[in-house]
Protein backbone atom coordinates (compact mmCIF):
# COMPACT_ATOMS: atom_id res chain seq x y z
CA MET A 1 -5.82 11.89 24.97
CA PRO A 2 -4.04 9.01 26.27
CA ALA A 3 -0.50 8.03 25.19
CA THR A 4 -0.15 5.47 22.57
CA PRO A 5 1.52 2.41 23.83
CA ALA A 6 4.79 1.41 22.35
CA SER A 7 5.08 -1.71 20.26
CA ASP A 8 7.50 -4.48 19.74
CA PHE A 9 5.33 -6.89 18.30
CA VAL A 10 6.67 -7.28 14.76
CA PRO A 11 10.53 -8.12 14.71
CA LEU A 12 12.63 -5.40 13.25
CA ALA A 13 14.29 -7.64 10.57
CA ILE A 14 11.13 -9.42 9.50
CA ASP A 15 10.66 -10.21 5.76
CA ALA A 16 6.93 -9.40 5.44
CA THR A 17 6.91 -10.55 1.80
CA ARG A 18 7.07 -14.07 3.23
CA PHE A 19 3.57 -15.42 4.23
CA GLU A 20 5.09 -17.96 6.75
CA ASN A 21 6.76 -15.09 8.65
CA VAL A 22 3.73 -12.91 9.05
CA GLU A 23 1.04 -15.63 9.49
CA PRO A 24 1.88 -16.46 13.03
CA LEU A 25 1.69 -12.66 14.07
CA PHE A 26 -1.78 -12.45 12.58
CA ARG A 27 -2.86 -15.62 14.66
CA ALA A 28 -1.40 -14.14 17.66
CA LEU A 29 -3.59 -10.99 17.24
CA LEU A 30 -6.54 -12.99 16.49
CA GLU A 31 -6.14 -15.26 19.34
CA ARG A 32 -5.05 -12.59 21.82
CA ARG A 33 -7.56 -12.05 24.84
CA VAL A 34 -8.43 -8.21 24.96
CA ALA A 35 -10.48 -7.23 27.95
CA SER A 36 -10.06 -3.66 28.86
CA GLY A 37 -9.38 -0.21 27.00
CA ALA A 38 -5.66 -0.38 27.63
CA GLU A 39 -5.39 -3.91 26.16
CA PHE A 40 -7.46 -3.01 23.26
CA GLU A 41 -5.14 -0.06 22.66
CA LYS A 42 -2.09 -2.34 22.74
CA TRP A 43 -3.90 -4.66 20.36
CA LEU A 44 -4.65 -1.96 17.99
CA VAL A 45 -1.14 -0.75 17.93
CA ASP A 46 0.30 -4.16 17.36
CA ARG A 47 -2.02 -4.50 14.32
CA SER A 48 -1.05 -1.12 12.86
CA GLU A 49 2.69 -2.27 13.28
CA LEU A 50 1.91 -5.49 11.44
CA ALA A 51 -0.11 -4.02 8.78
CA ALA A 52 2.74 -1.29 8.24
CA ALA A 53 5.39 -3.94 8.08
CA CYS A 54 3.37 -5.99 5.48
CA SER A 55 2.51 -2.62 3.30
CA GLU A 56 6.14 -1.44 3.35
CA SER A 57 7.31 -4.88 2.18
CA ARG A 58 4.67 -5.01 -0.64
CA ALA A 59 5.92 -1.16 -1.47
CA ASP A 60 9.41 -2.19 -1.78
CA LEU A 61 8.71 -5.06 -4.11
CA TYR A 62 6.54 -2.63 -6.21
CA ILE A 63 9.28 0.00 -6.22
CA SER A 64 11.79 -2.52 -7.14
CA MET A 65 9.78 -3.76 -9.92
CA SER A 66 8.77 -0.32 -11.28
CA CYS A 67 12.09 1.30 -11.02
CA ASP A 68 13.49 -1.22 -13.59
CA THR A 69 10.75 -2.75 -15.59
CA GLU A 70 13.24 -4.80 -17.60
CA ASP A 71 14.58 -6.66 -14.07
CA GLU A 72 12.90 -9.87 -14.41
CA ALA A 73 13.92 -10.78 -10.96
CA ALA A 74 12.20 -7.80 -9.62
CA GLN A 75 9.15 -8.58 -11.79
CA LYS A 76 8.90 -12.22 -10.55
CA ALA A 77 9.31 -11.26 -6.80
CA TYR A 78 6.47 -8.82 -7.21
CA GLY A 79 4.32 -11.29 -9.23
CA ALA A 80 5.16 -14.10 -6.64
CA TYR A 81 3.94 -11.75 -3.92
CA ILE A 82 0.63 -10.66 -5.63
CA GLU A 83 -0.13 -14.01 -6.47
CA GLU A 84 0.67 -16.16 -3.50
CA VAL A 85 1.14 -13.91 -0.63
CA ALA A 86 -1.47 -11.08 -0.86
CA PRO A 87 -4.51 -13.38 -1.32
CA ARG A 88 -3.63 -15.17 1.78
CA LEU A 89 -3.18 -12.05 3.82
CA THR A 90 -6.66 -10.59 2.71
CA PRO A 91 -8.68 -13.25 4.59
CA LEU A 92 -6.62 -12.56 7.77
CA TYR A 93 -7.21 -8.95 7.59
CA PHE A 94 -10.90 -9.39 7.37
CA GLU A 95 -10.78 -11.60 10.45
CA LEU A 96 -9.03 -8.84 12.09
CA ASP A 97 -11.45 -6.23 11.10
CA LYS A 98 -14.32 -8.71 12.54
CA LYS A 99 -12.34 -9.02 15.87
CA LEU A 100 -12.03 -5.11 16.10
CA VAL A 101 -15.82 -4.96 15.40
CA GLU A 102 -16.51 -7.63 18.16
CA LEU A 103 -14.06 -5.79 20.86
CA SER A 104 -15.86 -2.46 20.00
CA ARG A 105 -19.14 -4.11 21.14
CA ALA A 106 -17.47 -5.60 24.25
CA ILE A 107 -15.32 -2.89 25.54
CA ARG A 108 -16.62 0.55 26.12
CA LEU A 109 -14.78 2.83 23.51
CA GLU A 110 -14.83 6.64 23.09
CA PRO A 111 -16.59 7.50 19.87
CA SER A 112 -14.80 10.76 19.55
CA ARG A 113 -11.24 8.55 19.35
CA TYR A 114 -12.57 5.44 17.69
CA GLY A 115 -15.67 6.47 15.73
CA VAL A 116 -14.15 6.57 12.38
CA LEU A 117 -11.70 3.67 12.87
CA LEU A 118 -14.78 1.51 13.76
CA ARG A 119 -17.24 2.84 11.02
CA GLY A 120 -14.43 1.72 8.44
CA ALA A 121 -13.83 -1.49 9.94
CA GLN A 122 -17.57 -2.35 10.21
CA ALA A 123 -18.00 -1.35 6.30
CA ASP A 124 -14.97 -3.55 5.44
CA VAL A 125 -16.46 -6.58 7.25
CA GLU A 126 -20.05 -6.00 5.45
CA LEU A 127 -18.36 -5.52 2.34
CA PHE A 128 -15.76 -8.48 2.12
CA ARG A 129 -16.62 -11.46 0.03
CA PRO A 130 -14.04 -14.41 -0.28
CA GLU A 131 -15.11 -14.77 -4.15
CA ASN A 132 -13.41 -10.99 -4.68
CA VAL A 133 -10.01 -12.34 -3.47
CA PRO A 134 -9.12 -13.86 -6.85
CA LEU A 135 -10.61 -10.90 -8.61
CA GLU A 136 -8.32 -8.76 -6.71
CA THR A 137 -5.45 -10.88 -7.67
CA GLU A 138 -6.14 -10.66 -11.26
CA LEU A 139 -6.65 -6.84 -10.99
CA ALA A 140 -3.15 -6.62 -9.53
CA LYS A 141 -1.61 -8.72 -12.27
CA LEU A 142 -3.20 -6.54 -14.71
CA SER A 143 -1.97 -3.65 -13.09
CA GLN A 144 1.52 -5.05 -12.95
CA LYS A 145 1.54 -5.74 -16.83
CA TYR A 146 0.34 -2.25 -17.48
CA ASP A 147 2.83 -0.83 -15.00
CA GLN A 148 5.71 -2.91 -17.06
CA LEU A 149 4.45 -1.74 -20.56
CA SER A 150 3.90 2.02 -19.57
CA GLY A 151 7.39 2.03 -17.84
CA THR A 152 9.16 1.05 -21.30
CA MET A 153 7.10 3.65 -23.22
CA THR A 154 9.23 6.78 -24.14
CA VAL A 155 8.68 10.10 -26.01
CA GLN A 156 11.06 12.62 -27.68
CA PHE A 157 10.69 16.00 -25.95
CA GLN A 158 13.25 18.85 -26.10
CA GLY A 159 15.63 16.78 -28.10
CA GLU A 160 15.78 14.01 -25.19
CA GLU A 161 14.04 10.61 -24.83
CA LYS A 162 11.88 10.57 -21.87
CA THR A 163 9.74 8.23 -20.11
CA LEU A 164 6.19 8.74 -19.17
CA PRO A 165 6.72 9.47 -15.45
CA GLN A 166 9.60 12.03 -16.45
CA MET A 167 6.96 13.80 -18.56
CA ALA A 168 4.42 14.09 -15.68
CA LYS A 169 6.02 17.25 -14.47
CA TYR A 170 5.26 18.87 -17.69
CA GLN A 171 1.40 18.61 -17.09
CA GLU A 172 2.04 21.10 -14.33
CA VAL A 173 3.81 23.90 -16.41
CA PRO A 174 1.53 26.87 -16.79
CA ASP A 175 2.65 27.70 -20.18
CA ARG A 176 0.31 25.72 -22.57
CA ALA A 177 2.96 25.76 -25.51
CA VAL A 178 5.38 23.81 -23.22
CA ARG A 179 2.61 21.33 -22.26
CA GLU A 180 1.75 20.72 -25.66
CA GLY A 181 5.58 20.52 -26.75
CA ARG A 182 5.23 23.47 -29.16
CA GLY A 183 8.07 25.77 -27.63
CA GLY A 184 7.86 28.14 -24.80
CA ARG A 185 9.97 28.09 -21.56
CA TRP A 186 9.25 27.44 -18.04
CA ARG A 187 11.19 27.74 -14.59
CA SER A 188 12.20 24.55 -12.59
CA GLY A 189 14.57 25.02 -9.44
CA GLY A 190 15.39 28.47 -10.48
CA SER A 191 16.68 27.62 -14.03
CA ALA A 192 14.87 28.47 -17.31
CA MET A 193 14.11 25.52 -19.59
CA TRP A 194 13.06 25.76 -23.17
CA ALA A 195 10.79 23.29 -25.07
CA ARG A 196 12.09 21.91 -28.17
C-alpha cells in the first residue's frame, strides 16, 4: 500500500466556521489539475483535511451550544452556522464529489483501495438535489431547538436532580429496579451506588 502523502493544505489556525475562510480552499480543489495517481492521492488528502477542518469547527460550535443550553451566544453562533454557512458548503461538497467521480474515470485507480470511496461518491452525486439543501437547514434548526429543550429537562433520581444525558448511563445498568428507579444497587467505577 502506498504511503499517504502529507498535507498542509488547510492553514493550522483557520476559522472554518466562516465561509469566506474555506471557500477559496474548496475552489482551489475544484480548479486543481489532477493527471496522475500521485496527484489524485494528494488531492484526496487535501480534500479530507478540508472536510475535517469544517467538520471539527461545526462540532465545536455544537458542543458549545449543547454544553450550556442557556448560553445565548453559543446558540446564536451555532444557529448562524447552520443557516448561513452549512447551506453554502453543501453544493461545494457536491462539486467535489462530482470531480472525484470524474477523476476516477480519467485516472486508473485500484478498485481494492478506492472502490468503497468511489461507490459512496457516485451515490452522493446521484442523490444530490439542490432543493434538499433548505430542507436540511430546516431539519438542523429543528434539531437545535430539540437539543436546547431536551438539555433543560431534568428528573429527580436518587434524591438528586439530573439531566437526561446524565440519566442515559442508567439505561445500561443490568438491574431492572435501578433502571426503573425503584431501588436496587449497581456498580460504577468500583463503588456501589444505590437507587433512591
